[in-house]
N, C-alpha and C. Protein backbone atom coordinates (compact mmCIF):
# COMPACT_ATOMS: atom_id res chain seq x y z
N MET A 1 -11.66 100.86 95.05
CA MET A 1 -10.34 100.70 95.48
C MET A 1 -10.57 99.33 94.86
N GLY A 2 -9.38 98.77 93.99
CA GLY A 2 -9.79 97.51 93.72
C GLY A 2 -8.37 96.77 94.52
N PHE A 3 -8.37 95.74 94.47
CA PHE A 3 -7.38 94.66 95.74
C PHE A 3 -7.29 93.52 94.58
N ALA A 4 -6.24 93.12 94.29
CA ALA A 4 -5.36 92.00 93.82
C ALA A 4 -5.23 90.78 94.88
N SER A 5 -5.62 89.12 94.69
CA SER A 5 -5.10 88.66 96.18
C SER A 5 -4.46 87.39 95.33
N ALA A 6 -3.98 86.75 96.34
CA ALA A 6 -3.50 85.33 96.02
C ALA A 6 -4.36 84.47 96.39
N ASP A 7 -5.75 84.82 96.23
CA ASP A 7 -6.74 83.60 96.61
C ASP A 7 -7.74 83.20 95.29
N ASP A 8 -7.08 83.85 94.39
CA ASP A 8 -7.14 83.56 92.77
C ASP A 8 -8.71 84.40 92.27
N ARG A 9 -8.91 85.71 93.39
CA ARG A 9 -9.93 86.50 93.16
C ARG A 9 -9.64 87.88 92.97
N ALA A 10 -10.02 88.70 92.88
CA ALA A 10 -9.89 90.15 93.00
C ALA A 10 -11.01 90.94 93.56
N ARG A 11 -10.74 92.05 94.44
CA ARG A 11 -11.94 92.54 95.21
C ARG A 11 -12.29 94.10 94.88
N ILE A 12 -13.36 94.39 95.01
CA ILE A 12 -13.61 95.96 94.45
C ILE A 12 -14.37 96.34 95.91
N TRP A 13 -14.16 97.53 96.61
CA TRP A 13 -15.05 98.00 97.70
C TRP A 13 -14.79 99.50 98.01
N ASP A 14 -15.94 100.21 97.90
CA ASP A 14 -16.47 101.56 97.95
C ASP A 14 -16.09 102.16 99.26
N GLY A 15 -15.69 101.57 99.79
CA GLY A 15 -15.52 101.88 101.64
C GLY A 15 -16.62 101.84 102.95
N ALA A 16 -17.92 100.93 101.77
CA ALA A 16 -19.20 100.89 102.77
C ALA A 16 -19.30 99.27 102.31
N GLY A 17 -19.95 98.67 103.25
CA GLY A 17 -20.22 97.30 102.89
C GLY A 17 -19.63 96.45 102.47
N PRO A 18 -19.98 95.19 102.34
CA PRO A 18 -18.80 93.97 101.76
C PRO A 18 -18.34 94.27 100.48
N PRO A 19 -16.99 93.24 100.10
CA PRO A 19 -16.44 94.31 98.91
C PRO A 19 -16.98 93.14 97.73
N THR A 20 -16.85 93.52 96.39
CA THR A 20 -17.34 92.93 95.40
C THR A 20 -16.32 92.06 95.16
N LEU A 21 -16.72 90.87 95.19
CA LEU A 21 -15.77 89.59 94.33
C LEU A 21 -15.57 89.49 93.02
N LEU A 22 -14.91 89.45 92.26
CA LEU A 22 -14.33 89.07 90.88
C LEU A 22 -13.81 87.57 90.93
N GLU A 23 -14.58 86.66 90.72
CA GLU A 23 -14.57 85.51 90.70
C GLU A 23 -14.29 84.69 89.13
N GLY A 24 -13.21 84.01 89.17
CA GLY A 24 -12.85 83.42 87.85
C GLY A 24 -11.56 82.91 87.06
N HIS A 25 -10.58 83.71 88.12
CA HIS A 25 -9.35 83.63 87.60
C HIS A 25 -8.92 81.83 88.35
N ARG A 26 -7.78 81.37 87.86
CA ARG A 26 -7.41 80.01 88.27
C ARG A 26 -6.01 80.07 88.80
N GLY A 27 -5.62 81.29 89.21
CA GLY A 27 -4.08 81.84 89.81
C GLY A 27 -4.18 82.65 90.22
N GLU A 28 -3.01 83.19 91.17
CA GLU A 28 -3.07 84.46 91.81
C GLU A 28 -3.42 85.69 90.91
N VAL A 29 -4.30 86.94 91.49
CA VAL A 29 -4.00 87.61 90.74
C VAL A 29 -3.29 89.10 91.36
N ASN A 30 -2.58 89.47 90.04
CA ASN A 30 -1.80 90.40 90.70
C ASN A 30 -1.80 91.76 90.07
N ALA A 31 -2.42 92.03 89.31
CA ALA A 31 -3.03 93.12 88.55
C ALA A 31 -4.49 93.60 88.71
N ILE A 32 -5.09 94.74 88.94
CA ILE A 32 -6.48 95.04 88.73
C ILE A 32 -6.37 96.58 88.54
N THR A 33 -6.75 97.11 87.47
CA THR A 33 -7.46 98.67 87.31
C THR A 33 -8.30 98.79 86.59
N PHE A 34 -8.98 100.22 86.74
CA PHE A 34 -10.38 100.78 86.20
C PHE A 34 -9.95 101.17 84.84
N VAL A 35 -11.11 101.32 84.28
CA VAL A 35 -11.30 101.73 82.86
C VAL A 35 -12.56 101.98 82.71
N ASP A 36 -12.64 102.83 81.74
CA ASP A 36 -14.53 103.32 81.28
C ASP A 36 -14.88 104.02 82.44
N GLY A 37 -13.92 104.83 82.61
CA GLY A 37 -14.55 105.66 83.99
C GLY A 37 -15.14 105.25 84.84
N GLY A 38 -14.10 104.02 85.25
CA GLY A 38 -14.57 103.59 86.43
C GLY A 38 -15.41 102.39 86.32
N ARG A 39 -16.18 102.20 85.57
CA ARG A 39 -17.45 101.18 85.17
C ARG A 39 -16.75 99.66 85.15
N ARG A 40 -15.62 99.26 84.65
CA ARG A 40 -15.13 98.80 84.38
C ARG A 40 -14.02 97.88 84.94
N ALA A 41 -13.13 97.06 85.48
CA ALA A 41 -12.25 96.49 85.93
C ALA A 41 -11.43 95.54 84.85
N LEU A 42 -10.31 95.63 84.87
CA LEU A 42 -9.20 95.08 84.26
C LEU A 42 -8.17 94.09 85.06
N THR A 43 -7.92 92.82 85.18
CA THR A 43 -7.37 92.36 86.14
C THR A 43 -6.42 91.07 85.08
N ALA A 44 -5.27 90.70 85.84
CA ALA A 44 -4.73 90.12 84.85
C ALA A 44 -3.87 88.89 86.38
N SER A 45 -3.57 88.00 85.58
CA SER A 45 -3.47 86.80 86.71
C SER A 45 -2.51 85.66 86.27
N ASP A 46 -1.77 85.05 87.24
CA ASP A 46 -0.66 84.04 86.87
C ASP A 46 -1.59 82.71 86.11
N ASP A 47 -2.93 82.76 85.84
CA ASP A 47 -3.44 81.71 85.26
C ASP A 47 -3.43 81.90 83.69
N ALA A 48 -2.56 83.08 83.34
CA ALA A 48 -2.12 83.75 81.78
C ALA A 48 -3.18 84.10 81.40
N THR A 49 -3.95 84.92 82.05
CA THR A 49 -5.27 85.43 81.48
C THR A 49 -5.72 86.48 81.89
N LEU A 50 -6.11 87.51 81.10
CA LEU A 50 -6.39 88.97 81.43
C LEU A 50 -7.99 89.13 81.12
N ARG A 51 -8.70 89.84 82.31
CA ARG A 51 -10.15 89.75 82.16
C ARG A 51 -10.77 91.04 82.68
N LEU A 52 -11.97 91.02 82.01
CA LEU A 52 -12.79 92.67 81.82
C LEU A 52 -14.10 92.36 83.00
N TRP A 53 -14.35 93.35 83.84
CA TRP A 53 -15.07 92.95 84.64
C TRP A 53 -16.55 94.28 84.60
N ASP A 54 -17.66 93.79 84.83
CA ASP A 54 -18.33 94.97 85.30
C ASP A 54 -18.10 95.47 86.76
N VAL A 55 -17.91 96.75 87.09
CA VAL A 55 -18.03 96.71 88.48
C VAL A 55 -18.65 96.94 89.14
N ALA A 56 -19.99 97.12 88.99
CA ALA A 56 -21.16 97.58 89.77
C ALA A 56 -21.53 95.88 90.26
N SER A 57 -21.85 94.75 88.95
CA SER A 57 -22.26 93.48 89.44
C SER A 57 -21.22 92.49 89.49
N GLY A 58 -19.88 92.91 89.28
CA GLY A 58 -18.82 92.13 89.21
C GLY A 58 -18.62 91.01 88.31
N ALA A 59 -19.93 90.89 87.06
CA ALA A 59 -19.78 89.93 86.51
C ALA A 59 -19.11 90.02 85.12
N PRO A 60 -18.32 88.53 84.66
CA PRO A 60 -16.91 88.73 83.80
C PRO A 60 -17.78 89.43 82.50
N LEU A 61 -17.09 90.03 81.85
CA LEU A 61 -17.37 90.11 80.30
C LEU A 61 -16.48 90.27 79.04
N TRP A 62 -15.24 89.42 79.42
CA TRP A 62 -14.30 89.48 78.30
C TRP A 62 -12.55 88.87 78.98
N ARG A 63 -12.47 88.20 78.43
CA ARG A 63 -11.36 87.59 78.80
C ARG A 63 -10.30 87.26 77.33
N ARG A 64 -9.23 87.27 77.98
CA ARG A 64 -7.66 86.89 76.81
C ARG A 64 -6.64 85.83 77.17
N ASP A 65 -7.09 84.67 76.75
CA ASP A 65 -6.03 83.73 77.07
C ASP A 65 -4.45 83.50 76.50
N GLU A 66 -3.51 83.00 77.05
CA GLU A 66 -2.18 82.76 76.58
C GLU A 66 -2.37 81.93 75.38
N ALA A 67 -3.24 81.02 75.28
CA ALA A 67 -3.15 80.32 74.09
C ALA A 67 -3.95 80.85 72.94
N GLU A 68 -5.19 82.17 73.04
CA GLU A 68 -5.24 82.98 71.81
C GLU A 68 -4.05 83.94 71.54
N ALA A 69 -3.42 84.38 72.63
CA ALA A 69 -2.60 85.30 72.14
C ALA A 69 -1.50 84.47 70.98
N ALA A 70 -0.98 83.12 71.42
CA ALA A 70 -0.18 82.62 70.46
C ALA A 70 -0.70 82.31 69.39
N ASP A 71 -2.02 82.54 68.76
CA ASP A 71 -2.72 82.05 67.91
C ASP A 71 -3.02 83.31 67.08
N SER A 72 -2.31 84.86 67.81
CA SER A 72 -2.88 85.79 67.32
C SER A 72 -2.40 86.00 66.09
N SER A 73 -1.02 85.62 65.54
CA SER A 73 -0.87 85.80 64.21
C SER A 73 -1.40 85.39 63.15
N ALA A 74 -2.40 84.18 63.24
CA ALA A 74 -3.01 83.68 62.20
C ALA A 74 -4.37 84.54 62.24
N GLN A 75 -4.75 85.38 62.92
CA GLN A 75 -6.11 86.11 62.76
C GLN A 75 -5.90 87.40 61.98
N THR A 76 -7.52 87.79 61.75
CA THR A 76 -7.49 89.58 61.23
C THR A 76 -8.29 90.11 62.49
N PHE A 77 -7.80 91.06 63.14
CA PHE A 77 -8.26 91.90 63.81
C PHE A 77 -8.74 93.31 62.79
N SER A 78 -9.98 94.01 63.03
CA SER A 78 -10.86 94.90 62.15
C SER A 78 -11.40 95.82 62.86
N ALA A 79 -11.91 97.34 62.39
CA ALA A 79 -12.52 98.06 63.09
C ALA A 79 -13.41 98.81 61.69
N VAL A 80 -14.92 99.32 62.31
CA VAL A 80 -15.51 99.92 61.12
C VAL A 80 -15.31 101.39 61.53
N LEU A 81 -15.11 102.20 60.54
CA LEU A 81 -15.11 103.92 61.00
C LEU A 81 -15.82 104.62 59.66
N ASP A 82 -16.81 105.33 59.78
CA ASP A 82 -17.57 105.81 58.22
C ASP A 82 -17.85 104.68 57.43
N GLY A 83 -18.61 103.47 57.94
CA GLY A 83 -18.96 102.72 57.00
C GLY A 83 -18.07 101.80 56.36
N ARG A 84 -16.71 102.17 56.67
CA ARG A 84 -15.68 101.30 56.02
C ARG A 84 -14.91 100.48 57.11
N ARG A 85 -14.49 99.02 56.59
CA ARG A 85 -13.99 98.51 57.93
C ARG A 85 -12.49 98.37 57.42
N TRP A 86 -11.40 98.48 58.78
CA TRP A 86 -10.21 98.44 58.53
C TRP A 86 -9.95 97.16 59.29
N SER A 87 -8.79 96.17 58.27
CA SER A 87 -8.60 95.34 59.36
C SER A 87 -6.72 95.19 58.90
N GLY A 88 -6.27 94.82 60.06
CA GLY A 88 -5.01 93.84 60.29
C GLY A 88 -4.42 92.95 60.11
N ALA A 89 -3.59 92.21 59.81
CA ALA A 89 -3.18 91.22 58.99
C ALA A 89 -1.63 90.31 60.11
N GLU A 90 -1.06 89.33 59.87
CA GLU A 90 0.23 88.94 60.42
C GLU A 90 1.22 89.67 60.11
N ASP A 91 1.61 90.11 58.69
CA ASP A 91 2.61 91.05 58.23
C ASP A 91 2.60 92.54 58.85
N GLY A 92 1.39 92.83 59.42
CA GLY A 92 1.83 94.21 60.31
C GLY A 92 0.68 95.32 59.14
N ALA A 93 0.49 94.81 58.30
CA ALA A 93 -0.58 95.58 57.15
C ALA A 93 -2.21 96.01 57.88
N VAL A 94 -2.36 97.15 57.87
CA VAL A 94 -3.19 97.64 58.35
C VAL A 94 -3.92 98.15 56.89
N THR A 95 -5.39 97.72 56.57
CA THR A 95 -5.80 98.13 54.90
C THR A 95 -7.58 98.25 55.38
N ARG A 96 -7.76 99.02 54.10
CA ARG A 96 -9.30 99.62 54.06
C ARG A 96 -10.23 98.52 53.26
N ASP A 97 -11.32 98.10 53.61
CA ASP A 97 -12.09 96.66 52.61
C ASP A 97 -11.88 96.95 51.48
N ASP A 98 -12.31 98.20 50.88
CA ASP A 98 -12.23 98.45 49.20
C ASP A 98 -10.65 98.37 48.63
N GLY A 99 -9.90 98.45 49.56
CA GLY A 99 -7.87 98.21 49.12
C GLY A 99 -7.82 99.24 48.80
N ALA A 100 -8.54 100.40 48.64
CA ALA A 100 -8.15 102.00 48.14
C ALA A 100 -6.65 102.35 49.25
N LEU A 101 -7.11 102.11 50.56
CA LEU A 101 -6.33 103.23 51.39
C LEU A 101 -5.71 101.99 52.19
N ARG A 102 -4.17 102.39 52.97
CA ARG A 102 -3.47 101.21 53.57
C ARG A 102 -2.80 102.04 54.49
N LEU A 103 -2.66 101.84 55.82
CA LEU A 103 -2.13 102.44 56.73
C LEU A 103 -0.30 102.46 56.30
N PRO A 104 0.43 103.15 56.36
CA PRO A 104 2.22 103.03 55.96
C PRO A 104 2.58 102.15 57.36
N ASN A 105 3.00 101.09 56.89
CA ASN A 105 3.60 100.26 57.54
C ASN A 105 4.98 100.48 58.54
N THR A 106 4.61 100.59 60.00
CA THR A 106 5.28 100.62 60.80
C THR A 106 6.22 99.47 61.41
N GLU A 107 5.62 98.53 61.58
CA GLU A 107 5.91 97.10 61.77
C GLU A 107 5.49 96.11 61.35
N THR A 108 6.58 95.16 61.31
CA THR A 108 6.40 93.71 60.25
C THR A 108 5.92 92.57 61.29
N VAL A 109 5.35 92.60 62.40
CA VAL A 109 4.87 91.80 63.30
C VAL A 109 3.23 91.67 63.39
N PRO A 110 2.73 90.73 63.52
CA PRO A 110 1.21 90.77 63.51
C PRO A 110 0.21 91.81 64.51
N VAL A 111 -0.30 92.27 63.80
CA VAL A 111 -1.17 93.39 64.24
C VAL A 111 -2.44 92.49 65.15
N THR A 112 -2.80 93.17 66.19
CA THR A 112 -3.11 92.38 67.63
C THR A 112 -4.31 92.91 68.09
N LEU A 113 -4.18 94.28 67.28
CA LEU A 113 -5.83 95.15 67.81
C LEU A 113 -5.67 96.13 66.77
N VAL A 114 -6.85 96.35 66.22
CA VAL A 114 -7.62 97.31 65.24
C VAL A 114 -9.03 97.57 66.06
N ALA A 115 -8.85 98.94 66.10
CA ALA A 115 -10.47 99.59 67.20
C ALA A 115 -10.78 101.23 66.93
N GLU A 116 -11.99 101.48 67.11
CA GLU A 116 -11.76 103.15 67.03
C GLU A 116 -11.61 103.34 67.97
N GLY A 117 -10.73 104.91 67.72
CA GLY A 117 -10.17 105.35 68.78
C GLY A 117 -11.32 106.86 68.64
N PRO A 118 -11.31 107.95 69.71
CA PRO A 118 -11.38 109.13 69.81
C PRO A 118 -11.82 109.93 68.49
N GLY A 119 -12.69 111.00 68.24
CA GLY A 119 -12.52 111.69 67.22
C GLY A 119 -12.60 110.68 65.55
N GLY A 120 -13.03 109.65 65.58
CA GLY A 120 -12.73 109.07 64.41
C GLY A 120 -11.26 108.39 64.08
N THR A 121 -10.58 108.20 65.01
CA THR A 121 -9.15 107.86 64.83
C THR A 121 -9.46 106.27 64.64
N LEU A 122 -8.02 105.96 64.52
CA LEU A 122 -7.67 104.14 64.46
C LEU A 122 -6.79 103.80 65.31
N VAL A 123 -7.21 103.03 66.32
CA VAL A 123 -6.09 102.32 67.09
C VAL A 123 -5.62 101.51 66.57
N VAL A 124 -4.34 101.10 66.45
CA VAL A 124 -3.66 99.64 65.73
C VAL A 124 -2.61 99.43 66.92
N GLY A 125 -2.69 98.27 67.46
CA GLY A 125 -1.67 97.33 68.11
C GLY A 125 -0.93 96.25 67.89
N PHE A 126 0.21 96.36 68.10
CA PHE A 126 0.81 94.78 67.83
C PHE A 126 1.36 93.92 68.47
N ALA A 127 1.62 93.04 68.11
CA ALA A 127 2.15 91.86 69.07
C ALA A 127 3.61 92.02 69.76
N ASN A 128 4.46 93.23 69.10
CA ASN A 128 5.54 93.66 70.01
C ASN A 128 5.13 94.65 70.89
N GLY A 129 3.95 95.03 70.94
CA GLY A 129 3.59 96.12 72.25
C GLY A 129 3.58 97.27 71.73
N VAL A 130 3.67 97.64 70.09
CA VAL A 130 3.42 99.35 69.92
C VAL A 130 1.83 99.08 69.74
N VAL A 131 1.77 100.28 70.06
CA VAL A 131 0.42 100.85 69.81
C VAL A 131 0.42 102.79 69.13
N GLY A 132 -0.31 102.44 68.22
CA GLY A 132 -0.27 104.02 67.31
C GLY A 132 -1.91 104.35 67.29
N LEU A 133 -2.10 105.70 67.55
CA LEU A 133 -3.40 106.36 67.25
C LEU A 133 -3.24 106.96 65.99
N TRP A 134 -4.40 106.75 64.74
CA TRP A 134 -3.96 106.82 63.44
C TRP A 134 -5.35 107.95 62.92
N ASP A 135 -5.26 108.91 62.18
CA ASP A 135 -5.67 109.79 61.43
C ASP A 135 -6.33 108.98 59.83
N VAL A 136 -7.15 108.31 59.77
CA VAL A 136 -7.09 107.68 58.15
C VAL A 136 -7.47 108.30 57.09
N GLU A 137 -7.80 109.76 57.62
CA GLU A 137 -7.59 110.34 56.50
C GLU A 137 -6.24 110.93 55.47
N ARG A 138 -5.39 111.29 56.57
CA ARG A 138 -4.12 111.86 56.05
C ARG A 138 -3.22 110.47 55.99
N LEU A 139 -3.47 109.29 56.81
CA LEU A 139 -2.84 108.38 56.78
C LEU A 139 -1.53 108.84 57.76
N GLU A 140 -1.83 109.18 58.88
CA GLU A 140 -0.96 110.06 59.27
C GLU A 140 -0.96 109.45 60.91
N ARG A 141 -0.07 108.80 61.68
CA ARG A 141 0.10 108.78 62.98
C ARG A 141 0.44 109.52 63.99
N LEU A 142 -0.55 109.89 64.81
CA LEU A 142 -0.89 111.23 65.53
C LEU A 142 -0.18 110.62 66.89
N ARG A 143 -0.39 109.34 67.46
CA ARG A 143 0.18 109.58 68.47
C ARG A 143 0.97 107.85 68.71
N GLY A 144 1.94 107.59 69.33
CA GLY A 144 2.58 106.54 69.15
C GLY A 144 3.40 105.85 70.87
N ALA A 145 3.04 104.91 70.97
CA ALA A 145 3.58 104.25 72.43
C ALA A 145 3.77 102.55 72.20
N ARG A 146 4.65 102.37 73.83
CA ARG A 146 4.73 100.70 73.52
C ARG A 146 4.78 100.26 74.83
N LEU A 147 3.89 99.00 74.80
CA LEU A 147 3.73 98.07 76.36
C LEU A 147 4.78 97.08 75.84
N HIS A 148 4.95 96.27 77.26
CA HIS A 148 5.73 95.30 77.45
C HIS A 148 5.20 93.93 76.57
N GLY A 149 4.15 93.72 76.17
CA GLY A 149 3.56 92.95 75.63
C GLY A 149 2.69 92.75 74.65
N ALA A 150 2.29 91.92 73.91
CA ALA A 150 1.19 92.42 72.59
C ALA A 150 -0.31 93.40 73.12
N VAL A 151 -0.61 94.12 72.19
CA VAL A 151 -1.61 95.07 72.82
C VAL A 151 -2.96 93.90 72.36
N VAL A 152 -3.96 94.06 73.36
CA VAL A 152 -4.98 92.69 73.38
C VAL A 152 -6.39 93.76 73.33
N ALA A 153 -6.50 94.97 74.32
CA ALA A 153 -7.56 95.38 74.37
C ALA A 153 -7.44 97.16 74.27
N ALA A 154 -8.37 98.10 74.09
CA ALA A 154 -8.58 99.52 73.83
C ALA A 154 -9.88 100.00 74.45
N THR A 155 -10.11 100.63 75.68
CA THR A 155 -11.09 101.27 76.00
C THR A 155 -10.70 102.80 76.21
N ARG A 156 -11.65 103.97 76.32
CA ARG A 156 -11.76 105.16 76.23
C ARG A 156 -12.83 105.37 77.76
N ASP A 157 -12.52 106.85 77.82
CA ASP A 157 -13.21 107.52 79.00
C ASP A 157 -13.22 108.62 78.48
N VAL A 158 -13.56 109.98 79.35
CA VAL A 158 -13.32 111.23 78.84
C VAL A 158 -12.51 111.82 77.92
N ASP A 159 -11.22 111.77 78.88
CA ASP A 159 -10.03 112.31 78.13
C ASP A 159 -8.98 111.69 77.71
N ASP A 160 -9.12 110.53 78.32
CA ASP A 160 -8.31 109.17 77.75
C ASP A 160 -8.56 107.96 76.97
N LEU A 161 -7.76 107.51 76.18
CA LEU A 161 -7.86 106.26 75.53
C LEU A 161 -6.98 105.23 76.67
N HIS A 162 -7.18 104.17 76.78
CA HIS A 162 -6.47 103.61 77.63
C HIS A 162 -5.95 102.13 76.85
N VAL A 163 -5.10 101.84 76.84
CA VAL A 163 -4.50 100.55 75.85
C VAL A 163 -3.99 99.51 76.54
N PHE A 164 -4.19 98.30 76.72
CA PHE A 164 -3.30 97.19 77.39
C PHE A 164 -2.74 96.27 76.60
N SER A 165 -1.59 95.74 77.81
CA SER A 165 -1.25 94.48 76.95
C SER A 165 -1.81 93.31 77.94
N GLU A 166 -1.30 92.21 77.33
CA GLU A 166 -1.86 90.60 77.18
C GLU A 166 -0.83 90.40 78.98
N LEU A 167 -0.11 91.41 79.18
CA LEU A 167 0.61 91.03 80.48
C LEU A 167 0.29 91.59 81.86
N GLY A 168 -0.77 92.61 81.12
CA GLY A 168 -1.69 93.42 82.19
C GLY A 168 -1.02 94.84 82.47
N ASP A 169 -0.09 95.05 81.80
CA ASP A 169 0.15 96.70 81.78
C ASP A 169 -0.64 97.23 81.09
N ARG A 170 -0.66 98.85 81.28
CA ARG A 170 -1.53 99.49 80.29
C ARG A 170 -0.78 100.79 79.98
N LEU A 171 -1.21 101.75 79.62
CA LEU A 171 -0.95 102.87 79.04
C LEU A 171 -2.34 103.72 79.19
N ALA A 172 -2.08 105.28 79.12
CA ALA A 172 -3.42 106.07 78.86
C ALA A 172 -2.63 107.40 77.87
N LEU A 173 -2.98 107.37 76.75
CA LEU A 173 -3.05 108.33 76.05
C LEU A 173 -4.37 109.65 75.96
N HIS A 174 -3.20 110.76 76.60
CA HIS A 174 -4.35 111.51 76.99
C HIS A 174 -4.72 112.40 75.69
N THR A 175 -6.46 112.45 75.30
CA THR A 175 -6.84 112.90 74.09
C THR A 175 -8.22 113.77 73.92
N PRO A 176 -7.64 114.87 75.22
CA PRO A 176 -8.96 116.01 75.45
C PRO A 176 -9.12 116.44 74.20
N ALA A 177 -8.29 116.81 73.12
CA ALA A 177 -8.27 117.29 71.71
C ALA A 177 -9.49 116.59 70.69
N LEU A 178 -9.45 115.27 71.18
CA LEU A 178 -10.51 114.54 70.20
C LEU A 178 -11.62 114.17 70.61
N SER A 179 -11.81 114.60 71.64
CA SER A 179 -13.73 114.22 72.19
C SER A 179 -14.34 115.18 71.28
N GLY A 180 -14.25 116.42 70.42
CA GLY A 180 -15.11 116.96 69.87
C GLY A 180 -15.45 116.71 68.68
N GLY A 181 -14.94 115.54 68.10
CA GLY A 181 -15.28 115.14 66.34
C GLY A 181 -14.27 115.44 65.93
N ARG A 182 -14.15 114.61 64.60
CA ARG A 182 -12.82 114.41 63.81
C ARG A 182 -12.13 115.65 63.21
N CYS A 183 -12.96 116.43 62.89
CA CYS A 183 -12.72 117.88 62.18
C CYS A 183 -11.87 118.62 63.31
N ARG A 184 -13.16 118.78 64.70
CA ARG A 184 -12.35 119.76 65.26
C ARG A 184 -11.21 119.13 65.95
N ALA A 185 -10.87 117.71 66.20
CA ALA A 185 -9.70 117.07 66.63
C ALA A 185 -8.43 117.94 65.69
N LEU A 186 -8.42 117.43 64.56
CA LEU A 186 -7.78 117.52 63.69
C LEU A 186 -7.11 118.97 63.41
N GLN A 187 -8.44 120.03 63.65
CA GLN A 187 -7.76 121.42 63.48
C GLN A 187 -7.11 121.44 64.59
N LEU A 188 -7.27 121.14 65.60
CA LEU A 188 -6.97 121.40 67.14
C LEU A 188 -5.07 120.84 67.09
N LEU A 189 -4.91 119.70 66.55
CA LEU A 189 -3.86 119.10 66.13
C LEU A 189 -2.92 120.03 65.36
N TRP A 190 -3.60 120.39 64.06
CA TRP A 190 -2.68 121.28 63.20
C TRP A 190 -2.39 122.43 64.01
N GLU A 191 -3.19 122.94 64.74
CA GLU A 191 -2.72 124.47 65.18
C GLU A 191 -1.68 124.02 66.47
N GLU A 192 -1.88 123.23 66.87
CA GLU A 192 -0.31 122.59 67.97
C GLU A 192 0.80 122.53 67.43
N SER A 193 0.59 122.21 66.40
CA SER A 193 2.22 122.17 65.58
C SER A 193 2.12 122.58 63.76
N ALA A 194 1.90 123.92 64.10
CA ALA A 194 1.66 124.43 62.69
C ALA A 194 2.82 124.47 61.89
N LEU A 195 3.71 124.37 62.48
CA LEU A 195 5.35 124.07 61.72
C LEU A 195 5.93 122.93 61.54
N VAL A 196 6.28 122.71 60.29
CA VAL A 196 7.46 121.53 60.36
C VAL A 196 8.37 121.70 59.79
N TRP A 197 9.20 120.75 59.97
CA TRP A 197 10.62 120.59 58.83
C TRP A 197 10.34 119.68 57.88
N ALA A 198 10.54 120.06 56.47
CA ALA A 198 10.18 119.12 55.46
C ALA A 198 10.83 119.95 54.62
N ALA A 199 11.57 118.98 53.58
CA ALA A 199 12.21 119.53 52.15
C ALA A 199 13.32 120.54 52.55
N GLY A 200 13.71 120.60 53.61
CA GLY A 200 15.08 121.10 53.99
C GLY A 200 14.14 122.61 54.65
N ARG A 201 13.24 122.72 55.11
CA ARG A 201 12.58 124.14 54.98
C ARG A 201 11.46 124.16 56.29
N LEU A 202 11.34 125.23 56.96
CA LEU A 202 10.12 125.36 57.98
C LEU A 202 9.00 125.64 56.75
N GLN A 203 8.12 124.20 56.91
CA GLN A 203 6.60 124.74 56.55
C GLN A 203 5.62 124.58 56.99
N LEU A 204 4.42 125.28 56.57
CA LEU A 204 3.23 125.56 57.49
C LEU A 204 2.75 124.32 57.48
N ARG A 205 2.12 123.59 58.41
CA ARG A 205 1.81 122.36 58.39
C ARG A 205 0.13 122.59 58.13
N ALA A 206 -0.59 122.02 57.08
CA ALA A 206 -1.88 122.62 56.84
C ALA A 206 -2.70 121.21 56.28
N PRO A 207 -4.04 120.93 56.71
CA PRO A 207 -4.67 120.07 56.07
C PRO A 207 -4.79 120.46 54.03
N PRO A 208 -4.57 119.11 53.56
CA PRO A 208 -4.68 119.26 52.25
C PRO A 208 -5.83 120.30 51.18
N ALA A 209 -5.50 120.66 50.27
CA ALA A 209 -6.63 121.65 49.95
C ALA A 209 -8.06 120.91 49.60
N HIS A 210 -8.01 119.97 49.55
CA HIS A 210 -9.02 118.78 49.20
C HIS A 210 -9.93 118.29 50.35
N HIS A 211 -9.27 118.45 51.67
CA HIS A 211 -9.54 117.73 52.97
C HIS A 211 -10.72 118.53 53.25
N PRO A 212 -11.33 117.48 54.08
CA PRO A 212 -13.18 117.85 54.03
C PRO A 212 -13.10 118.31 55.22
N CYS A 213 -12.14 118.62 56.22
CA CYS A 213 -12.00 119.33 57.62
C CYS A 213 -11.33 120.59 57.33
N ARG A 214 -10.94 120.86 55.92
CA ARG A 214 -10.16 122.22 55.89
C ARG A 214 -11.01 123.48 56.04
């Protein structure tokens, strides 16, 4: 169990023995949640920081503060998929390093997160809280949602992708179909919505003839 506290510390307690203290915040801790199957804890505080901790040891692993969030529009965020780097920019663009592929623009605000998702997908988050899960082969957004603040972190456990904002709120995208590799994931998604309305009529949704997962 995790407990936020007004004494600038958070506590983790397993029901036996003394609690593990998470120390480092300089303001009241107002939220705590567990990620990575319970191995990590994420806390948010009045000191305007978001911090990630190792649950077993209580050691700090990562932090994000308000000043970094304010400067995020000048930064580039990237992730590597299949040996190719995908990068986000302040105009909302997400492109592959060879310039051959670019995700369709859905937002015009700075990209604040680009990370590898389950099944070889790409997680893209924006300063306005919008987050999307993308199939980079088809340049198609598979899932989408919105948080209250800029998207700053993403972690995975067995069946869920957890995404966090700078304000400490989070969402979980349930993605069990994506745990068996990219091709299996895409095949399941195609099966789930085999018919789509396009060009004024119902059409069978299927991968292109040249798609490697066909």
